[in-house]
Amino acid sequence: MYEWVLVLHIVSVISWMAGLLYLPRLFVYHVDAAAGSELSETFKIMERRLLRAIMTPAMIASWIFGLWLAALTGAFTEGWFHAKLTLLLCLTGFHMAMARWRKDFERDANSKTARFFRFANEAPTLLMIGIVIVVVVKPL
């Protein structure tokens, strides 16, 4: 059972991370599209589908399979798991922030710059690196 849950966790995390890395890049390009233009409307569709059809289900699956793995391995009492959980909560918060930013674009009410989204694009990468280090090295 453990191996299958691990496979499902890894696949869901990869899917979630792909979206977390791609959506801010779409926002960078969307900033330059005139509100109401055909290009802006295309970005809205792409962003909505990415978030709703891939990212959010993958996030939920990542949480479910990750907690299942923790239960199977007894990780809930480990310090490294608490550190991972903290970083994961930050990653989930970032996901929710991107959902808010997408809604701003949907309403043609975005006030952020392309530069903001370029910097925001780095946050999931840094959090992912932290999570991988904590899980593999288990420094705590």
N, C-alpha and C. Protein backbone atom coordinates (compact mmCIF):
# COMPACT_ATOMS: atom_id res chain seq x y z
N MET A 1 0.83 -1.19 0.00
CA MET A 1 0.00 0.00 0.00
C MET A 1 0.87 1.26 0.00
N TYR A 2 1.93 1.26 0.80
CA TYR A 2 2.79 2.44 0.95
C TYR A 2 3.31 2.92 -0.41
N GLU A 3 3.81 2.00 -1.24
CA GLU A 3 4.39 2.40 -2.52
C GLU A 3 3.37 3.08 -3.43
N TRP A 4 2.14 2.58 -3.44
CA TRP A 4 1.10 3.18 -4.29
C TRP A 4 0.69 4.56 -3.80
N VAL A 5 0.60 4.71 -2.50
CA VAL A 5 0.27 6.03 -1.94
C VAL A 5 1.41 7.00 -2.25
N LEU A 6 2.64 6.53 -2.14
CA LEU A 6 3.80 7.38 -2.47
C LEU A 6 3.78 7.80 -3.94
N VAL A 7 3.48 6.86 -4.82
CA VAL A 7 3.39 7.18 -6.26
C VAL A 7 2.32 8.25 -6.49
N LEU A 8 1.16 8.07 -5.90
CA LEU A 8 0.07 9.04 -6.09
C LEU A 8 0.44 10.41 -5.50
N HIS A 9 1.16 10.40 -4.39
CA HIS A 9 1.61 11.66 -3.79
C HIS A 9 2.60 12.37 -4.71
N ILE A 10 3.56 11.65 -5.21
CA ILE A 10 4.58 12.24 -6.09
C ILE A 10 3.94 12.79 -7.37
N VAL A 11 3.06 12.03 -7.98
CA VAL A 11 2.40 12.49 -9.22
C VAL A 11 1.56 13.74 -8.95
N SER A 12 0.83 13.75 -7.84
CA SER A 12 0.01 14.91 -7.56
C SER A 12 0.86 16.13 -7.23
N VAL A 13 1.97 15.95 -6.53
CA VAL A 13 2.87 17.07 -6.23
C VAL A 13 3.49 17.62 -7.51
N ILE A 14 3.92 16.75 -8.40
CA ILE A 14 4.48 17.21 -9.67
C ILE A 14 3.45 18.02 -10.45
N SER A 15 2.22 17.54 -10.49
CA SER A 15 1.16 18.26 -11.21
C SER A 15 0.88 19.62 -10.58
N TRP A 16 0.82 19.66 -9.26
CA TRP A 16 0.58 20.91 -8.54
C TRP A 16 1.72 21.89 -8.78
N MET A 17 2.95 21.41 -8.65
CA MET A 17 4.11 22.30 -8.85
C MET A 17 4.16 22.84 -10.28
N ALA A 18 3.82 22.02 -11.25
CA ALA A 18 3.81 22.50 -12.63
C ALA A 18 2.90 23.72 -12.76
N GLY A 19 1.72 23.62 -12.16
CA GLY A 19 0.79 24.75 -12.21
C GLY A 19 1.28 25.95 -11.42
N LEU A 20 1.86 25.69 -10.23
CA LEU A 20 2.38 26.79 -9.41
C LEU A 20 3.50 27.54 -10.11
N LEU A 21 4.24 26.85 -10.96
CA LEU A 21 5.32 27.49 -11.69
C LEU A 21 4.84 28.16 -12.98
N TYR A 22 3.74 27.68 -13.55
CA TYR A 22 3.25 28.19 -14.82
C TYR A 22 2.28 29.36 -14.68
N LEU A 23 1.40 29.31 -13.68
CA LEU A 23 0.38 30.34 -13.56
C LEU A 23 0.96 31.75 -13.39
N PRO A 24 1.97 31.95 -12.53
CA PRO A 24 2.53 33.31 -12.45
C PRO A 24 3.14 33.78 -13.77
N ARG A 25 3.66 32.86 -14.56
CA ARG A 25 4.22 33.22 -15.87
C ARG A 25 3.08 33.68 -16.78
N LEU A 26 1.93 33.02 -16.73
CA LEU A 26 0.78 33.49 -17.50
C LEU A 26 0.39 34.90 -17.06
N PHE A 27 0.44 35.15 -15.75
CA PHE A 27 0.11 36.48 -15.24
C PHE A 27 1.08 37.53 -15.79
N VAL A 28 2.36 37.19 -15.90
CA VAL A 28 3.35 38.13 -16.45
C VAL A 28 2.92 38.57 -17.85
N TYR A 29 2.50 37.63 -18.66
CA TYR A 29 2.09 37.96 -20.03
C TYR A 29 0.72 38.63 -20.06
N HIS A 30 -0.15 38.25 -19.14
CA HIS A 30 -1.51 38.80 -19.11
C HIS A 30 -1.49 40.30 -18.77
N VAL A 31 -0.54 40.71 -17.95
CA VAL A 31 -0.43 42.13 -17.57
C VAL A 31 -0.37 43.02 -18.80
N ASP A 32 0.33 42.56 -19.83
CA ASP A 32 0.54 43.37 -21.03
C ASP A 32 -0.62 43.31 -22.03
N ALA A 33 -1.58 42.43 -21.78
CA ALA A 33 -2.73 42.33 -22.69
C ALA A 33 -3.78 43.37 -22.30
N ALA A 34 -4.27 44.09 -23.26
CA ALA A 34 -5.29 45.12 -23.00
C ALA A 34 -6.56 44.47 -22.45
N ALA A 35 -7.11 45.08 -21.41
CA ALA A 35 -8.35 44.57 -20.80
C ALA A 35 -9.44 44.48 -21.87
N GLY A 36 -10.12 43.35 -21.90
CA GLY A 36 -11.21 43.15 -22.86
C GLY A 36 -10.75 42.67 -24.22
N SER A 37 -9.45 42.65 -24.46
CA SER A 37 -8.96 42.20 -25.76
C SER A 37 -9.12 40.68 -25.89
N GLU A 38 -9.01 40.21 -27.11
CA GLU A 38 -9.10 38.77 -27.36
C GLU A 38 -7.99 38.03 -26.62
N LEU A 39 -6.80 38.62 -26.60
CA LEU A 39 -5.67 38.00 -25.91
C LEU A 39 -5.94 37.90 -24.41
N SER A 40 -6.46 38.97 -23.83
CA SER A 40 -6.78 38.97 -22.40
C SER A 40 -7.82 37.92 -22.09
N GLU A 41 -8.83 37.79 -22.92
CA GLU A 41 -9.87 36.79 -22.70
C GLU A 41 -9.32 35.37 -22.82
N THR A 42 -8.37 35.17 -23.73
CA THR A 42 -7.72 33.87 -23.87
C THR A 42 -6.92 33.54 -22.61
N PHE A 43 -6.17 34.52 -22.09
CA PHE A 43 -5.44 34.30 -20.84
C PHE A 43 -6.39 33.95 -19.70
N LYS A 44 -7.52 34.61 -19.63
CA LYS A 44 -8.49 34.32 -18.57
C LYS A 44 -8.94 32.86 -18.62
N ILE A 45 -9.20 32.37 -19.81
CA ILE A 45 -9.62 30.97 -19.97
C ILE A 45 -8.48 30.04 -19.55
N MET A 46 -7.28 30.31 -20.02
CA MET A 46 -6.13 29.47 -19.68
C MET A 46 -5.89 29.44 -18.17
N GLU A 47 -5.94 30.61 -17.55
CA GLU A 47 -5.68 30.71 -16.11
C GLU A 47 -6.75 29.99 -15.30
N ARG A 48 -8.01 30.19 -15.68
CA ARG A 48 -9.11 29.53 -14.96
C ARG A 48 -9.01 28.01 -15.08
N ARG A 49 -8.77 27.52 -16.29
CA ARG A 49 -8.68 26.06 -16.48
C ARG A 49 -7.48 25.47 -15.75
N LEU A 50 -6.35 26.16 -15.81
CA LEU A 50 -5.16 25.67 -15.11
C LEU A 50 -5.42 25.57 -13.61
N LEU A 51 -6.00 26.61 -13.05
CA LEU A 51 -6.25 26.63 -11.61
C LEU A 51 -7.31 25.61 -11.19
N ARG A 52 -8.42 25.60 -11.89
CA ARG A 52 -9.55 24.76 -11.46
C ARG A 52 -9.43 23.30 -11.87
N ALA A 53 -8.88 23.03 -13.05
CA ALA A 53 -8.86 21.66 -13.56
C ALA A 53 -7.58 20.90 -13.21
N ILE A 54 -6.50 21.64 -12.94
CA ILE A 54 -5.23 20.95 -12.66
C ILE A 54 -4.71 21.29 -11.27
N MET A 55 -4.49 22.56 -11.01
CA MET A 55 -3.80 22.94 -9.77
C MET A 55 -4.57 22.60 -8.50
N THR A 56 -5.83 23.01 -8.43
CA THR A 56 -6.58 22.78 -7.19
C THR A 56 -6.81 21.30 -6.93
N PRO A 57 -7.24 20.51 -7.93
CA PRO A 57 -7.35 19.06 -7.66
C PRO A 57 -6.00 18.43 -7.28
N ALA A 58 -4.92 18.87 -7.92
CA ALA A 58 -3.60 18.33 -7.59
C ALA A 58 -3.18 18.73 -6.18
N MET A 59 -3.51 19.95 -5.76
CA MET A 59 -3.20 20.38 -4.40
C MET A 59 -3.96 19.52 -3.39
N ILE A 60 -5.23 19.31 -3.63
CA ILE A 60 -6.04 18.50 -2.72
C ILE A 60 -5.50 17.08 -2.66
N ALA A 61 -5.18 16.51 -3.81
CA ALA A 61 -4.62 15.15 -3.85
C ALA A 61 -3.27 15.10 -3.13
N SER A 62 -2.45 16.12 -3.30
CA SER A 62 -1.16 16.16 -2.61
C SER A 62 -1.34 16.12 -1.10
N TRP A 63 -2.28 16.91 -0.61
CA TRP A 63 -2.57 16.92 0.82
C TRP A 63 -3.09 15.56 1.29
N ILE A 64 -4.04 14.99 0.57
CA ILE A 64 -4.63 13.71 0.98
C ILE A 64 -3.57 12.62 1.01
N PHE A 65 -2.82 12.47 -0.09
CA PHE A 65 -1.83 11.39 -0.14
C PHE A 65 -0.66 11.65 0.78
N GLY A 66 -0.30 12.92 0.98
CA GLY A 66 0.78 13.25 1.91
C GLY A 66 0.41 12.93 3.35
N LEU A 67 -0.80 13.29 3.73
CA LEU A 67 -1.24 12.96 5.10
C LEU A 67 -1.41 11.45 5.28
N TRP A 68 -1.83 10.79 4.23
CA TRP A 68 -1.95 9.33 4.27
C TRP A 68 -0.56 8.72 4.48
N LEU A 69 0.43 9.21 3.75
CA LEU A 69 1.80 8.73 3.93
C LEU A 69 2.30 8.98 5.35
N ALA A 70 2.00 10.15 5.86
CA ALA A 70 2.42 10.48 7.22
C ALA A 70 1.80 9.51 8.22
N ALA A 71 0.54 9.16 7.99
CA ALA A 71 -0.12 8.20 8.88
C ALA A 71 0.51 6.81 8.76
N LEU A 72 0.83 6.42 7.53
CA LEU A 72 1.43 5.10 7.31
C LEU A 72 2.82 4.98 7.93
N THR A 73 3.55 6.09 7.95
CA THR A 73 4.95 6.04 8.42
C THR A 73 5.14 6.59 9.83
N GLY A 74 4.09 7.13 10.42
CA GLY A 74 4.22 7.71 11.75
C GLY A 74 4.99 9.02 11.77
N ALA A 75 4.96 9.75 10.68
CA ALA A 75 5.75 10.98 10.55
C ALA A 75 5.19 12.14 11.38
N PHE A 76 3.98 12.03 11.85
CA PHE A 76 3.34 13.15 12.57
C PHE A 76 4.14 13.59 13.80
N THR A 77 4.94 12.71 14.35
CA THR A 77 5.71 13.06 15.55
C THR A 77 7.12 13.55 15.24
N GLU A 78 7.49 13.55 13.99
CA GLU A 78 8.85 13.92 13.59
C GLU A 78 8.98 15.43 13.37
N GLY A 79 10.11 16.00 13.81
CA GLY A 79 10.36 17.43 13.63
C GLY A 79 10.43 17.84 12.18
N TRP A 80 11.05 17.03 11.33
CA TRP A 80 11.16 17.36 9.92
C TRP A 80 9.78 17.47 9.29
N PHE A 81 8.83 16.62 9.74
CA PHE A 81 7.48 16.66 9.18
C PHE A 81 6.78 17.96 9.55
N HIS A 82 7.01 18.44 10.76
CA HIS A 82 6.42 19.72 11.17
C HIS A 82 6.98 20.86 10.33
N ALA A 83 8.29 20.80 10.03
CA ALA A 83 8.90 21.82 9.16
C ALA A 83 8.30 21.74 7.75
N LYS A 84 8.15 20.51 7.24
CA LYS A 84 7.55 20.33 5.92
C LYS A 84 6.13 20.88 5.91
N LEU A 85 5.38 20.58 6.94
CA LEU A 85 4.00 21.04 7.03
C LEU A 85 3.92 22.57 7.03
N THR A 86 4.85 23.21 7.73
CA THR A 86 4.90 24.67 7.76
C THR A 86 5.15 25.23 6.36
N LEU A 87 6.13 24.66 5.66
CA LEU A 87 6.43 25.10 4.29
C LEU A 87 5.25 24.81 3.36
N LEU A 88 4.60 23.67 3.58
CA LEU A 88 3.46 23.31 2.76
C LEU A 88 2.28 24.25 2.98
N LEU A 89 2.09 24.70 4.21
CA LEU A 89 1.05 25.69 4.47
C LEU A 89 1.35 27.00 3.74
N CYS A 90 2.63 27.38 3.70
CA CYS A 90 3.02 28.57 2.93
C CYS A 90 2.73 28.38 1.45
N LEU A 91 3.04 27.19 0.92
CA LEU A 91 2.79 26.90 -0.49
C LEU A 91 1.28 26.93 -0.79
N THR A 92 0.49 26.41 0.12
CA THR A 92 -0.96 26.44 -0.04
C THR A 92 -1.47 27.88 0.01
N GLY A 93 -0.91 28.68 0.91
CA GLY A 93 -1.28 30.09 0.97
C GLY A 93 -0.93 30.81 -0.32
N PHE A 94 0.20 30.47 -0.91
CA PHE A 94 0.58 31.07 -2.19
C PHE A 94 -0.41 30.66 -3.28
N HIS A 95 -0.82 29.40 -3.26
CA HIS A 95 -1.83 28.92 -4.21
C HIS A 95 -3.11 29.77 -4.09
N MET A 96 -3.51 30.02 -2.86
CA MET A 96 -4.73 30.83 -2.62
C MET A 96 -4.54 32.27 -3.07
N ALA A 97 -3.34 32.81 -2.89
CA ALA A 97 -3.06 34.17 -3.36
C ALA A 97 -3.17 34.22 -4.89
N MET A 98 -2.66 33.19 -5.56
CA MET A 98 -2.76 33.17 -7.02
C MET A 98 -4.21 33.06 -7.47
N ALA A 99 -5.02 32.35 -6.71
CA ALA A 99 -6.45 32.27 -7.04
C ALA A 99 -7.09 33.66 -6.94
N ARG A 100 -6.69 34.44 -5.93
CA ARG A 100 -7.21 35.82 -5.81
C ARG A 100 -6.72 36.68 -6.98
N TRP A 101 -5.44 36.55 -7.33
CA TRP A 101 -4.90 37.33 -8.44
C TRP A 101 -5.63 36.97 -9.74
N ARG A 102 -5.95 35.69 -9.92
CA ARG A 102 -6.67 35.27 -11.12
C ARG A 102 -8.04 35.93 -11.17
N LYS A 103 -8.69 36.01 -10.02
CA LYS A 103 -10.00 36.67 -9.98
C LYS A 103 -9.89 38.16 -10.31
N ASP A 104 -8.79 38.78 -9.89
CA ASP A 104 -8.56 40.19 -10.26
C ASP A 104 -8.47 40.32 -11.78
N PHE A 105 -7.71 39.43 -12.41
CA PHE A 105 -7.62 39.46 -13.87
C PHE A 105 -8.99 39.20 -14.50
N GLU A 106 -9.74 38.27 -13.94
CA GLU A 106 -11.07 37.93 -14.46
C GLU A 106 -11.98 39.15 -14.48
N ARG A 107 -11.85 40.00 -13.46
CA ARG A 107 -12.67 41.22 -13.36
C ARG A 107 -12.01 42.42 -14.05
N ASP A 108 -10.90 42.20 -14.73
CA ASP A 108 -10.11 43.29 -15.34
C ASP A 108 -9.72 44.31 -14.28
N ALA A 109 -9.37 43.83 -13.09
CA ALA A 109 -9.03 44.71 -11.97
C ALA A 109 -7.62 44.46 -11.44
N ASN A 110 -6.76 43.85 -12.24
CA ASN A 110 -5.39 43.61 -11.77
C ASN A 110 -4.66 44.93 -11.57
N SER A 111 -3.98 45.06 -10.44
CA SER A 111 -3.20 46.28 -10.17
C SER A 111 -1.72 45.98 -10.02
N LYS A 112 -1.34 44.73 -10.24
CA LYS A 112 0.06 44.33 -10.05
C LYS A 112 0.81 44.39 -11.38
N THR A 113 2.12 44.55 -11.27
CA THR A 113 2.96 44.68 -12.46
C THR A 113 3.52 43.33 -12.89
N ALA A 114 4.03 43.30 -14.11
CA ALA A 114 4.72 42.10 -14.60
C ALA A 114 5.92 41.79 -13.71
N ARG A 115 6.59 42.83 -13.23
CA ARG A 115 7.75 42.62 -12.35
C ARG A 115 7.33 41.92 -11.06
N PHE A 116 6.19 42.30 -10.49
CA PHE A 116 5.66 41.65 -9.30
C PHE A 116 5.48 40.15 -9.56
N PHE A 117 4.87 39.82 -10.69
CA PHE A 117 4.60 38.42 -10.98
C PHE A 117 5.89 37.65 -11.31
N ARG A 118 6.88 38.34 -11.86
CA ARG A 118 8.17 37.67 -12.07
C ARG A 118 8.80 37.26 -10.74
N PHE A 119 8.73 38.16 -9.76
CA PHE A 119 9.24 37.82 -8.42
C PHE A 119 8.36 36.75 -7.77
N ALA A 120 7.05 36.87 -7.92
CA ALA A 120 6.14 35.89 -7.34
C ALA A 120 6.39 34.50 -7.91
N ASN A 121 6.86 34.45 -9.14
CA ASN A 121 7.14 33.18 -9.80
C ASN A 121 8.23 32.39 -9.08
N GLU A 122 9.05 33.08 -8.28
CA GLU A 122 10.16 32.41 -7.58
C GLU A 122 9.72 31.78 -6.27
N ALA A 123 8.63 32.24 -5.68
CA ALA A 123 8.19 31.76 -4.37
C ALA A 123 7.95 30.25 -4.34
N PRO A 124 7.18 29.69 -5.29
CA PRO A 124 6.97 28.24 -5.22
C PRO A 124 8.26 27.44 -5.38
N THR A 125 9.18 27.95 -6.17
CA THR A 125 10.46 27.26 -6.35
C THR A 125 11.22 27.20 -5.03
N LEU A 126 11.30 28.34 -4.34
CA LEU A 126 12.02 28.38 -3.06
C LEU A 126 11.35 27.48 -2.02
N LEU A 127 10.04 27.51 -1.96
CA LEU A 127 9.32 26.65 -1.02
C LEU A 127 9.52 25.18 -1.36
N MET A 128 9.48 24.85 -2.63
CA MET A 128 9.70 23.47 -3.06
C MET A 128 11.09 22.99 -2.67
N ILE A 129 12.09 23.82 -2.88
CA ILE A 129 13.47 23.45 -2.51
C ILE A 129 13.54 23.19 -1.00
N GLY A 130 12.92 24.06 -0.23
CA GLY A 130 12.90 23.86 1.22
C GLY A 130 12.23 22.56 1.61
N ILE A 131 11.11 22.25 0.99
CA ILE A 131 10.38 21.01 1.29
C ILE A 131 11.23 19.80 0.95
N VAL A 132 11.84 19.81 -0.22
CA VAL A 132 12.66 18.65 -0.64
C VAL A 132 13.83 18.47 0.33
N ILE A 133 14.49 19.55 0.72
CA ILE A 133 15.61 19.44 1.67
C ILE A 133 15.14 18.85 2.99
N VAL A 134 14.03 19.36 3.50
CA VAL A 134 13.52 18.88 4.80
C VAL A 134 13.15 17.40 4.73
N VAL A 135 12.52 16.98 3.64
CA VAL A 135 12.08 15.59 3.51
C VAL A 135 13.26 14.64 3.31
N VAL A 136 14.21 15.02 2.48
CA VAL A 136 15.32 14.13 2.16
C VAL A 136 16.40 14.14 3.24
N VAL A 137 16.80 15.32 3.70
CA VAL A 137 17.90 15.43 4.68
C VAL A 137 17.40 15.19 6.11
N LYS A 138 16.14 15.56 6.36
CA LYS A 138 15.53 15.43 7.70
C LYS A 138 16.43 16.05 8.77
N PRO A 139 16.70 17.36 8.65
CA PRO A 139 17.63 18.00 9.60
C PRO A 139 17.07 18.19 11.00
N LEU A 140 15.77 18.00 11.18
CA LEU A 140 15.15 18.21 12.49
C LEU A 140 14.68 16.91 13.10
